[in-house]
N, C-alpha and C. Protein backbone atom coordinates (compact mmCIF):
# COMPACT_ATOMS: atom_id res chain seq x y z
N MET A 1 18.28 -17.67 -27.29
CA MET A 1 16.98 -18.09 -26.85
C MET A 1 16.90 -18.08 -25.34
N THR A 2 18.03 -18.29 -24.65
CA THR A 2 17.98 -18.22 -23.23
C THR A 2 17.73 -16.80 -22.76
N THR A 3 18.25 -15.82 -23.47
CA THR A 3 18.06 -14.45 -23.10
C THR A 3 16.57 -14.10 -23.14
N TYR A 4 15.88 -14.63 -24.13
CA TYR A 4 14.45 -14.38 -24.26
C TYR A 4 13.68 -14.88 -23.06
N HIS A 5 14.02 -16.10 -22.63
CA HIS A 5 13.37 -16.65 -21.45
C HIS A 5 13.70 -15.88 -20.17
N ARG A 6 14.93 -15.47 -20.03
CA ARG A 6 15.33 -14.76 -18.88
C ARG A 6 14.61 -13.40 -18.87
N ARG A 7 14.49 -12.72 -19.97
CA ARG A 7 13.78 -11.48 -20.10
C ARG A 7 12.30 -11.71 -19.75
N SER A 8 11.74 -12.81 -20.22
CA SER A 8 10.35 -13.10 -19.97
C SER A 8 10.06 -13.31 -18.47
N TYR A 9 11.01 -14.06 -17.80
CA TYR A 9 10.79 -14.31 -16.40
C TYR A 9 10.95 -13.03 -15.59
N GLY A 10 11.93 -12.20 -15.99
CA GLY A 10 12.11 -10.91 -15.33
C GLY A 10 10.88 -10.01 -15.46
N ASN A 11 10.28 -10.06 -16.63
CA ASN A 11 9.09 -9.25 -16.91
C ASN A 11 7.93 -9.72 -16.01
N VAL A 12 7.79 -11.07 -15.87
CA VAL A 12 6.73 -11.60 -15.01
C VAL A 12 7.00 -11.24 -13.57
N ALA A 13 8.22 -11.36 -13.11
CA ALA A 13 8.55 -10.99 -11.71
C ALA A 13 8.32 -9.54 -11.48
N ALA A 14 8.68 -8.70 -12.43
CA ALA A 14 8.49 -7.29 -12.27
C ALA A 14 6.98 -6.93 -12.16
N ARG A 15 6.17 -7.63 -12.98
CA ARG A 15 4.78 -7.37 -12.87
C ARG A 15 4.14 -7.86 -11.56
N VAL A 16 4.66 -8.94 -11.04
CA VAL A 16 4.16 -9.44 -9.76
C VAL A 16 4.53 -8.48 -8.67
N ILE A 17 5.80 -8.01 -8.68
CA ILE A 17 6.26 -7.08 -7.65
C ILE A 17 5.46 -5.79 -7.74
N ALA A 18 5.26 -5.24 -8.91
CA ALA A 18 4.48 -4.04 -9.06
C ALA A 18 3.02 -4.24 -8.65
N GLY A 19 2.49 -5.44 -8.95
CA GLY A 19 1.15 -5.76 -8.59
C GLY A 19 0.93 -5.85 -7.07
N VAL A 20 1.90 -6.42 -6.39
CA VAL A 20 1.84 -6.49 -4.94
C VAL A 20 1.88 -5.09 -4.31
N GLY A 21 2.73 -4.22 -4.85
CA GLY A 21 2.79 -2.85 -4.38
C GLY A 21 1.45 -2.12 -4.60
N ALA A 22 0.86 -2.32 -5.75
CA ALA A 22 -0.46 -1.71 -6.06
C ALA A 22 -1.51 -2.28 -5.10
N LEU A 23 -1.49 -3.53 -4.83
CA LEU A 23 -2.46 -4.14 -3.86
C LEU A 23 -2.29 -3.54 -2.49
N PHE A 24 -1.04 -3.35 -2.03
CA PHE A 24 -0.80 -2.76 -0.73
C PHE A 24 -1.31 -1.33 -0.71
N ALA A 25 -1.09 -0.59 -1.79
CA ALA A 25 -1.59 0.79 -1.84
C ALA A 25 -3.10 0.85 -1.85
N VAL A 26 -3.73 -0.04 -2.54
CA VAL A 26 -5.19 -0.12 -2.56
C VAL A 26 -5.77 -0.38 -1.21
N ILE A 27 -5.13 -1.28 -0.47
CA ILE A 27 -5.57 -1.59 0.90
C ILE A 27 -5.51 -0.34 1.76
N GLU A 28 -4.39 0.42 1.65
CA GLU A 28 -4.29 1.65 2.39
C GLU A 28 -5.36 2.67 2.00
N VAL A 29 -5.63 2.82 0.72
CA VAL A 29 -6.66 3.73 0.24
C VAL A 29 -8.05 3.34 0.74
N ILE A 30 -8.36 2.08 0.69
CA ILE A 30 -9.68 1.58 1.20
C ILE A 30 -9.80 1.90 2.64
N TYR A 31 -8.74 1.69 3.42
CA TYR A 31 -8.82 2.03 4.83
C TYR A 31 -9.01 3.52 5.06
N ILE A 32 -8.32 4.33 4.29
CA ILE A 32 -8.49 5.78 4.41
C ILE A 32 -9.96 6.16 4.12
N LEU A 33 -10.54 5.58 3.10
CA LEU A 33 -11.91 5.90 2.72
C LEU A 33 -12.88 5.42 3.79
N LEU A 34 -12.66 4.27 4.38
CA LEU A 34 -13.50 3.76 5.41
C LEU A 34 -13.52 4.74 6.62
N VAL A 35 -12.32 5.20 6.97
CA VAL A 35 -12.21 6.10 8.10
C VAL A 35 -12.89 7.45 7.79
N LEU A 36 -12.58 7.95 6.60
CA LEU A 36 -13.15 9.30 6.24
C LEU A 36 -14.67 9.30 6.13
N PHE A 37 -15.22 8.18 5.63
CA PHE A 37 -16.66 8.08 5.50
C PHE A 37 -17.38 7.65 6.79
N GLY A 38 -16.59 7.46 7.86
CA GLY A 38 -17.15 7.15 9.13
C GLY A 38 -17.73 5.75 9.25
N ALA A 39 -17.04 4.79 8.69
CA ALA A 39 -17.50 3.37 8.76
C ALA A 39 -17.50 2.93 10.21
N ASN A 40 -18.43 2.02 10.48
CA ASN A 40 -18.59 1.50 11.87
C ASN A 40 -17.31 0.71 12.24
N ALA A 41 -16.59 1.21 13.23
CA ALA A 41 -15.34 0.60 13.68
C ALA A 41 -15.56 -0.82 14.23
N GLY A 42 -16.80 -1.15 14.58
CA GLY A 42 -17.08 -2.50 15.12
C GLY A 42 -17.40 -3.51 14.03
N ASN A 43 -17.55 -3.04 12.82
CA ASN A 43 -17.86 -3.92 11.68
C ASN A 43 -16.69 -4.84 11.36
N ALA A 44 -17.03 -6.08 11.02
CA ALA A 44 -15.97 -7.09 10.68
C ALA A 44 -15.13 -6.65 9.52
N PHE A 45 -15.72 -6.12 8.46
CA PHE A 45 -14.92 -5.69 7.34
C PHE A 45 -13.97 -4.56 7.69
N PHE A 46 -14.44 -3.60 8.48
CA PHE A 46 -13.58 -2.47 8.85
C PHE A 46 -12.43 -3.03 9.70
N ARG A 47 -12.72 -3.91 10.65
CA ARG A 47 -11.62 -4.45 11.48
C ARG A 47 -10.64 -5.25 10.62
N PHE A 48 -11.16 -5.95 9.66
CA PHE A 48 -10.32 -6.74 8.77
C PHE A 48 -9.36 -5.83 7.97
N MET A 49 -9.93 -4.78 7.39
CA MET A 49 -9.11 -3.85 6.62
C MET A 49 -8.09 -3.16 7.52
N GLN A 50 -8.56 -2.79 8.77
CA GLN A 50 -7.65 -2.14 9.69
C GLN A 50 -6.51 -3.07 10.08
N SER A 51 -6.80 -4.33 10.27
CA SER A 51 -5.77 -5.31 10.66
C SER A 51 -4.75 -5.53 9.56
N ILE A 52 -5.12 -5.26 8.29
CA ILE A 52 -4.15 -5.35 7.22
C ILE A 52 -3.43 -4.05 7.02
N ALA A 53 -4.18 -2.90 7.05
CA ALA A 53 -3.69 -1.59 6.70
C ALA A 53 -2.65 -1.11 7.76
N GLU A 54 -2.89 -1.36 9.02
CA GLU A 54 -1.95 -0.84 10.04
C GLU A 54 -0.53 -1.43 9.94
N PRO A 55 -0.38 -2.73 9.80
CA PRO A 55 1.05 -3.19 9.60
C PRO A 55 1.68 -2.72 8.31
N LEU A 56 0.81 -2.56 7.26
CA LEU A 56 1.39 -2.09 5.97
C LEU A 56 1.77 -0.65 6.02
N ALA A 57 1.26 0.11 6.98
CA ALA A 57 1.59 1.50 7.07
C ALA A 57 2.97 1.74 7.66
N LEU A 58 3.56 0.63 8.17
CA LEU A 58 4.94 0.67 8.69
C LEU A 58 5.12 1.74 9.76
N PHE A 59 6.03 2.64 9.58
CA PHE A 59 6.35 3.69 10.53
C PHE A 59 5.64 5.00 10.31
N PHE A 60 4.77 5.05 9.26
CA PHE A 60 4.16 6.32 8.90
C PHE A 60 3.09 6.86 9.93
N PRO A 61 2.24 6.00 10.51
CA PRO A 61 1.27 6.57 11.48
C PRO A 61 2.04 7.21 12.69
N GLY A 62 1.71 8.43 12.97
CA GLY A 62 2.38 9.12 14.04
C GLY A 62 3.61 9.86 13.61
N LEU A 63 4.02 9.71 12.37
CA LEU A 63 5.25 10.40 11.89
C LEU A 63 5.07 11.92 11.98
N PHE A 64 3.93 12.40 11.58
CA PHE A 64 3.61 13.82 11.68
C PHE A 64 2.48 14.00 12.64
N PRO A 65 2.73 14.81 13.71
CA PRO A 65 1.65 15.05 14.68
C PRO A 65 0.59 16.02 14.12
N ILE A 66 -0.52 15.48 13.76
CA ILE A 66 -1.58 16.27 13.15
C ILE A 66 -2.81 16.17 14.10
N ASP A 67 -3.38 17.33 14.43
CA ASP A 67 -4.48 17.32 15.38
C ASP A 67 -5.80 16.81 14.78
N ASN A 68 -6.05 17.09 13.54
CA ASN A 68 -7.24 16.64 12.85
C ASN A 68 -7.17 15.09 12.57
N PRO A 69 -8.01 14.25 13.16
CA PRO A 69 -7.85 12.86 12.97
C PRO A 69 -8.06 12.39 11.52
N ASN A 70 -8.96 13.02 10.78
CA ASN A 70 -9.15 12.63 9.40
C ASN A 70 -7.93 13.00 8.54
N LEU A 71 -7.40 14.19 8.73
CA LEU A 71 -6.18 14.61 8.03
C LEU A 71 -5.02 13.72 8.38
N SER A 72 -4.95 13.29 9.64
CA SER A 72 -3.90 12.47 10.11
C SER A 72 -3.92 11.10 9.36
N VAL A 73 -5.10 10.52 9.22
CA VAL A 73 -5.25 9.29 8.48
C VAL A 73 -4.87 9.43 7.02
N ILE A 74 -5.35 10.54 6.40
CA ILE A 74 -5.03 10.81 4.97
C ILE A 74 -3.53 10.91 4.82
N VAL A 75 -2.87 11.71 5.63
CA VAL A 75 -1.43 11.93 5.46
C VAL A 75 -0.65 10.62 5.77
N ASN A 76 -0.87 10.07 6.92
CA ASN A 76 -0.07 8.92 7.33
C ASN A 76 -0.25 7.68 6.46
N TYR A 77 -1.50 7.32 6.26
CA TYR A 77 -1.77 6.11 5.42
C TYR A 77 -1.59 6.39 3.95
N GLY A 78 -1.81 7.65 3.54
CA GLY A 78 -1.53 8.05 2.18
C GLY A 78 -0.06 7.98 1.85
N LEU A 79 0.77 8.44 2.76
CA LEU A 79 2.20 8.31 2.59
C LEU A 79 2.63 6.82 2.46
N ALA A 80 2.03 6.01 3.30
CA ALA A 80 2.32 4.54 3.16
C ALA A 80 1.94 3.97 1.78
N ALA A 81 0.81 4.44 1.31
CA ALA A 81 0.34 3.94 -0.03
C ALA A 81 1.35 4.42 -1.13
N VAL A 82 1.80 5.68 -1.05
CA VAL A 82 2.74 6.17 -2.02
C VAL A 82 4.07 5.44 -1.87
N PHE A 83 4.49 5.21 -0.60
CA PHE A 83 5.74 4.42 -0.33
C PHE A 83 5.73 3.11 -1.02
N TRP A 84 4.64 2.36 -0.88
CA TRP A 84 4.58 1.02 -1.48
C TRP A 84 4.60 1.09 -2.99
N LEU A 85 3.92 2.06 -3.59
CA LEU A 85 3.97 2.21 -5.06
C LEU A 85 5.35 2.56 -5.57
N VAL A 86 6.03 3.46 -4.86
CA VAL A 86 7.37 3.91 -5.29
C VAL A 86 8.40 2.79 -5.06
N VAL A 87 8.42 2.20 -3.88
CA VAL A 87 9.43 1.16 -3.57
C VAL A 87 9.27 -0.06 -4.49
N THR A 88 8.04 -0.59 -4.60
CA THR A 88 7.84 -1.76 -5.42
C THR A 88 8.05 -1.42 -6.93
N GLY A 89 7.75 -0.17 -7.32
CA GLY A 89 8.05 0.25 -8.70
C GLY A 89 9.51 0.25 -8.96
N LEU A 90 10.32 0.76 -7.99
CA LEU A 90 11.77 0.73 -8.19
C LEU A 90 12.31 -0.69 -8.23
N ILE A 91 11.83 -1.56 -7.31
CA ILE A 91 12.27 -2.91 -7.28
C ILE A 91 11.91 -3.61 -8.62
N ALA A 92 10.71 -3.39 -9.10
CA ALA A 92 10.22 -4.01 -10.35
C ALA A 92 11.15 -3.59 -11.51
N ARG A 93 11.51 -2.32 -11.51
CA ARG A 93 12.45 -1.85 -12.59
C ARG A 93 13.79 -2.51 -12.51
N LEU A 94 14.26 -2.77 -11.30
CA LEU A 94 15.57 -3.43 -11.17
C LEU A 94 15.48 -4.88 -11.62
N VAL A 95 14.36 -5.51 -11.34
CA VAL A 95 14.16 -6.92 -11.75
C VAL A 95 14.00 -7.06 -13.24
N ASP A 96 13.32 -6.09 -13.80
CA ASP A 96 12.98 -6.14 -15.25
C ASP A 96 14.22 -5.86 -16.02
């Protein structure tokens, strides 16, 4: 019976970890879309999303020198989104 509870807790922890990774990836994708669609950089929502997306992007912004600003945002923040999905997915599998 203890094994069942341990498995259940591991399953919940794995779901939470994967959910956090998905949330981080969604934040990055929303920021990418805001930039691509030319959202007003002075808007409070844009600034809020930017203030969350930039730290979550870790070391990816500037990793590849790309002259096109839109392509740069797609590549750099897109890589961060994929990074969060992969890393949290691997951690979730270890916990589960």
